[in-house]
Protein backbone atom coordinates (compact mmCIF):
# COMPACT_ATOMS: atom_id res chain seq x y z
CA MET A 1 -8.35 11.65 0.78
CA PHE A 2 -5.80 12.93 -1.78
CA ASN A 3 -6.36 12.72 -5.98
CA CYS A 4 -4.13 13.40 -9.10
CA SER A 5 -5.08 13.34 -12.87
CA TYR A 6 -3.35 12.64 -16.26
CA THR A 7 -3.85 11.50 -19.54
CA ARG A 8 -3.36 8.00 -20.84
CA ASN A 9 -4.23 6.37 -24.24
CA GLY A 10 -6.21 9.54 -25.02
CA LEU A 11 -8.09 9.17 -22.17
CA LYS A 12 -8.43 11.96 -19.09
CA ILE A 13 -8.10 10.08 -15.94
CA LEU A 14 -8.85 10.96 -12.42
CA GLU A 15 -7.33 9.12 -9.74
CA VAL A 16 -9.09 9.15 -6.24
CA TYR A 17 -7.68 7.76 -3.00
CA TYR A 18 -9.40 6.94 0.35
CA THR A 19 -12.67 9.45 -0.03
CA SER A 20 -15.66 9.12 1.82
CA ASP A 21 -17.53 10.88 -0.65
CA ILE A 22 -17.17 9.00 -3.72
CA ASN A 23 -20.66 9.21 -5.00
CA LYS A 24 -20.57 12.97 -5.09
CA ILE A 25 -17.06 12.86 -7.02
CA TYR A 26 -18.65 10.59 -9.32
CA ILE A 27 -21.79 12.55 -9.57
CA ASP A 28 -20.14 16.32 -9.91
CA HIS A 29 -17.67 14.65 -12.77
CA LYS A 30 -19.92 12.51 -14.82
CA ASN A 31 -20.17 13.52 -18.11
CA ARG A 32 -17.79 16.39 -17.79
CA LYS A 33 -13.87 16.49 -17.85
CA TYR A 34 -12.65 13.41 -17.20
CA ASP A 35 -13.29 9.90 -18.82
CA ILE A 36 -12.56 7.52 -16.18
CA LEU A 37 -12.68 7.82 -12.35
CA LYS A 38 -9.84 5.22 -10.81
CA CYS A 39 -10.82 4.61 -7.32
CA TYR A 40 -8.65 3.49 -4.49
CA GLN A 41 -10.09 2.12 -1.02
CA VAL A 42 -13.48 4.27 -1.51
CA ASN A 43 -16.35 4.23 1.00
CA GLU A 44 -19.21 3.09 -1.67
CA LYS A 45 -19.85 1.00 -4.42
CA ILE A 46 -20.18 3.40 -7.88
CA PRO A 47 -20.85 1.36 -11.37
CA ASN A 48 -17.88 -0.96 -12.01
CA LEU A 49 -16.18 -0.96 -8.60
CA GLN A 50 -15.32 -4.10 -6.42
CA GLU A 51 -14.81 -4.99 -2.83
CA PHE A 52 -11.26 -4.69 -1.41
CA HIS A 53 -10.60 -5.97 1.84
CA THR A 54 -8.21 -4.37 4.39
CA LEU A 55 -7.14 -4.63 7.91
CA GLN A 56 -7.19 -0.90 9.90
CA ILE A 57 -5.61 0.08 13.31
CA ASP A 58 -7.19 2.95 15.21
CA LEU A 59 -4.25 5.26 15.65
CA GLU A 60 -6.25 7.35 18.11
CA ARG A 61 -5.65 4.47 20.75
CA SER A 62 -2.74 4.65 23.04
CA ILE A 63 0.64 3.26 21.67
CA ASP A 64 0.44 0.58 24.66
CA GLU A 65 -3.16 -0.61 23.59
CA ILE A 66 -2.08 -0.84 20.14
CA TYR A 67 0.91 -2.67 20.67
CA SER A 68 -0.78 -5.18 23.13
CA ASN A 69 -3.03 -6.11 20.27
CA PHE A 70 -0.21 -7.45 18.45
CA ALA A 71 0.54 -11.24 18.75
CA LYS A 72 2.70 -12.39 21.21
CA ASN A 73 5.22 -13.70 18.93
CA THR A 74 5.23 -10.52 16.88
CA ARG A 75 5.84 -8.40 20.14
CA ASN A 76 8.53 -10.68 20.48
CA GLU A 77 10.42 -10.40 17.52
CA ILE A 78 10.00 -6.43 17.69
CA ASN A 79 11.44 -6.13 20.90
CA ARG A 80 14.60 -8.24 19.62
CA ASN A 81 15.01 -6.58 16.52
CA MET A 82 14.98 -3.13 18.56
CA LYS A 83 16.98 -4.15 21.40
CA ASN A 84 19.68 -6.69 20.12
CA ASP A 85 19.64 -6.75 16.57
CA ASP A 86 21.44 -2.99 15.83
CA ILE A 87 18.95 -1.63 13.08
CA GLU A 88 19.09 1.69 11.80
CA TYR A 89 15.44 2.57 11.03
CA VAL A 90 15.22 5.56 8.62
CA ILE A 91 11.92 7.49 8.09
CA ASN A 92 11.91 9.65 4.83
CA SER A 93 8.91 11.94 4.47
CA LYS A 94 10.52 14.13 2.02
CA VAL A 95 10.55 11.78 -0.95
CA SER A 96 12.74 12.78 -3.84
CA LYS A 97 12.21 11.17 -7.85
CA GLU A 98 16.20 9.46 -6.94
CA ASN A 99 14.27 7.84 -3.89
CA ILE A 100 11.89 6.57 -5.76
CA GLU A 101 14.45 5.31 -8.55
CA LEU A 102 16.29 3.63 -5.67
CA PHE A 103 13.31 1.65 -4.54
CA ILE A 104 12.33 0.95 -8.12
CA THR A 105 16.02 -0.57 -8.97
CA MET A 106 15.48 -2.75 -5.75
CA PHE A 107 11.59 -3.62 -6.56
CA LYS A 108 12.63 -5.17 -10.27
CA ASP A 109 14.74 -7.59 -8.35
CA PHE A 110 12.25 -8.31 -5.78
CA ASP A 111 9.48 -8.66 -8.58
CA ARG A 112 11.38 -11.10 -10.52
CA MET A 113 12.43 -13.15 -7.44
CA LYS A 114 8.75 -13.30 -6.32
CA ASN A 115 7.41 -13.87 -9.93
CA LEU A 116 4.76 -11.09 -9.37
CA ASN A 117 4.71 -9.65 -12.90
CA THR A 118 4.19 -6.16 -11.68
CA ASN A 119 3.98 -3.57 -14.13
CA ILE A 120 7.21 -1.67 -12.87
CA SER A 121 7.06 1.23 -15.44
CA GLU A 122 3.23 1.96 -14.24
CA LEU A 123 4.20 1.54 -10.52
CA GLU A 124 6.99 4.02 -11.10
CA ASN A 125 4.82 6.60 -12.78
CA THR A 126 2.07 6.46 -9.96
CA LEU A 127 4.65 6.90 -7.23
CA ILE A 128 5.96 9.86 -8.82
CA ARG A 129 2.57 11.33 -9.62
CA ASN A 130 1.46 11.12 -5.98
CA ILE A 131 5.15 12.08 -4.56
CA ASP A 132 3.65 14.35 -2.15
CA ASN A 133 1.62 11.89 -0.61
CA LEU A 134 4.71 9.28 0.11
CA THR A 135 6.60 8.19 3.19
CA PHE A 136 9.54 5.86 2.88
CA PHE A 137 10.41 3.65 5.71
CA GLN A 138 14.09 1.61 5.64
CA GLY A 139 15.44 -0.80 7.88
CA LEU A 140 19.41 -0.84 7.55
CA LYS A 141 21.92 -3.29 8.74
CA ASP A 142 25.44 -2.22 8.66
CA SER A 143 24.26 0.39 5.96
CA ASN A 144 22.59 -2.25 3.88
CA ILE A 145 19.23 -2.06 3.19
CA LEU A 146 17.06 -5.11 4.59
CA VAL A 147 13.59 -4.16 4.37
CA PHE A 148 11.74 -0.97 2.26
CA ASN A 149 8.37 0.07 2.92
CA ILE A 150 6.33 2.77 1.28
CA TYR A 151 3.26 4.36 2.55
CA TYR A 152 0.52 6.23 0.91
CA HIS A 153 -1.19 8.99 3.50
CA ASP A 154 -3.32 11.87 3.31
CA ASN A 155 -4.20 13.80 6.67
CA ILE A 156 -6.27 11.21 7.94
CA ARG A 157 -4.88 7.50 6.57
CA ALA A 158 -1.52 6.07 6.61
CA ARG A 159 -1.38 3.10 4.00
CA LEU A 160 1.33 0.61 3.00
CA LYS A 161 1.82 0.54 -0.64
CA CYS A 162 4.67 -1.41 -1.08
CA SER A 163 6.98 -3.78 0.72
CA ILE A 164 10.59 -5.06 -0.12
CA SER A 165 12.55 -7.62 1.90
CA ILE A 166 15.77 -8.81 0.48
CA ARG A 167 16.10 -12.47 0.42
CA SER A 168 18.87 -14.52 2.01
CA ASP A 169 19.37 -18.59 1.75
CA ASN A 170 20.97 -18.28 5.25
CA ASN A 171 18.71 -19.00 8.37
CA GLN A 172 19.82 -16.47 10.63
CA GLU A 173 19.75 -13.90 7.75
CA ARG A 174 16.18 -14.65 7.09
CA ASN A 175 15.25 -14.36 10.70
CA LEU A 176 16.85 -10.95 10.93
CA ILE A 177 14.98 -9.69 8.12
CA GLY A 178 11.58 -10.92 8.99
CA ARG A 179 11.89 -9.50 12.68
CA THR A 180 13.55 -6.29 10.87
CA ASN A 181 10.31 -6.20 9.11
CA ARG A 182 7.78 -6.47 12.04
CA ALA A 183 9.94 -3.76 13.88
CA LEU A 184 9.93 -1.42 10.85
CA CYS A 185 5.79 -1.66 10.63
CA PHE A 186 5.75 -0.60 14.13
CA LYS A 187 8.00 2.03 13.68
CA ALA A 188 5.44 3.52 10.80
CA ILE A 189 2.61 2.62 13.15
CA SER A 190 4.45 4.97 16.12
CA HIS A 191 5.24 7.63 13.31
CA PHE A 192 1.98 8.41 11.94
CA LYS A 193 0.32 8.10 15.56
CA GLU A 194 3.11 10.67 16.78
CA ASN A 195 1.99 13.18 13.27
CA GLY A 196 -1.61 12.76 14.26
CA TYR A 197 -2.90 10.38 11.71
CA LYS A 198 -6.00 8.43 12.98
CA ILE A 199 -6.06 5.24 10.73
CA PHE A 200 -3.43 2.89 10.07
CA ASP A 201 -4.18 0.66 7.05
CA LEU A 202 -2.02 -2.50 6.54
CA GLY A 203 -2.72 -2.50 2.32
CA GLY A 204 -4.95 -4.83 1.80
CA ILE A 205 -5.72 -8.65 2.59
CA SER A 206 -6.88 -11.29 0.24
CA LEU A 207 -8.40 -13.58 2.30
CA SER A 208 -7.52 -16.58 0.07
CA GLU A 209 -7.75 -20.01 1.19
CA LYS A 210 -5.95 -21.50 -1.90
CA ASP A 211 -2.97 -19.27 -2.43
CA LYS A 212 -0.04 -20.04 -0.48
CA ASP A 213 1.49 -17.05 -0.64
CA LYS A 214 -1.29 -14.68 -0.09
CA LYS A 215 -2.24 -16.34 2.99
CA ASN A 216 1.24 -15.92 4.30
CA ILE A 217 1.05 -12.31 4.03
CA ASP A 218 -2.39 -12.09 5.38
CA SER A 219 -1.16 -14.11 8.52
CA PHE A 220 1.52 -11.96 8.49
CA LYS A 221 -0.59 -8.70 8.81
CA SER A 222 -3.34 -10.27 10.99
CA LYS A 223 -0.49 -10.10 13.57
CA PHE A 224 -0.88 -6.67 13.96
CA GLY A 225 -4.38 -6.64 15.20
CA GLY A 226 -6.63 -4.46 13.27
CA VAL A 227 -10.26 -4.30 12.10
CA LEU A 228 -11.18 -6.08 8.83
CA VAL A 229 -12.55 -3.42 6.72
CA THR A 230 -14.47 -3.67 3.39
CA GLU A 231 -13.90 -0.87 0.68
CA TYR A 232 -14.21 -0.45 -2.82
CA GLU A 233 -11.39 -0.23 -5.66
CA GLY A 234 -12.13 0.20 -10.05
CA ASN A 235 -12.19 2.01 -12.85
CA SER A 236 -15.60 3.70 -13.25
CA PRO A 237 -16.27 5.33 -16.73
CA LEU A 238 -17.60 9.04 -16.51
CA SER A 239 -17.82 9.69 -20.18
CA LEU A 240 -19.64 7.68 -23.23
CA LYS A 241 -15.58 7.58 -24.50
CA GLY A 242 -14.59 6.18 -21.09
CA LYS A 243 -17.57 3.50 -21.38
CA LEU A 244 -16.67 2.46 -24.86
CA PHE A 245 -12.78 2.15 -23.72
CA MET A 246 -13.71 -0.27 -20.75
CA LEU A 247 -16.10 -2.25 -22.77
CA LEU A 248 -13.57 -2.74 -25.58
CA TYR A 249 -10.66 -3.80 -22.93
CA LYS A 250 -13.18 -6.47 -21.25
CA ILE A 251 -13.96 -8.17 -24.76
CA LYS A 252 -10.26 -7.98 -25.50
CA ASN A 253 -9.26 -9.81 -22.16
CA LYS A 254 -11.98 -12.27 -23.06
CA ILE A 255 -10.60 -13.07 -26.13
CA ARG A 256 -6.97 -13.71 -24.71
């Protein structure tokens, strides 16, 4: 677990990530210092949280066993990338604000191209707030970044937060980028296992049957094996001020 606190719109917010004791945290902080408890992948459903589904890999297994659970084509793509594609894999576990600025610059183009409509300012602020719990992974070809992934981590879990892949109209380049993305994920799994982490979290799945893009992302992640896990996310009010703010926010969204 890790957490951070800050003030926004006059509200005191406590963010909590990956705790297995969210109910105690909720009880301990209710009607005290904070107005909102912002929860990410916590173990219980406290007021106002919603289900969140993800795939997790047990890093306490051997790396050979983990690798053998990958889809055959995924293993082939990883092998080819590592042996033949001349990719440089860069791991940065001491992230700076300048590193975050580089990622955000690239993410703006990625977001625009994919029509994601991400609140980029909030993403940047979130990364800066949690800078001590970030590790960056890059796949480079001839010093050019092809894939750029960010992971959150505490002392138990490593979780994919954001992923950027450059786009190309060239079919060979697209295939190279795809192979690099898969190999970089395996490099991350290996890195976190070697450093004593117990869980590798693939960063959520949608379970969507209608949205093609979401289905494709789910399919990509499923090729690394992993067990389907349900956790909980959302904003839980801790004070009367927090309850009133969330009520007004819901009313405002209904009127739109």
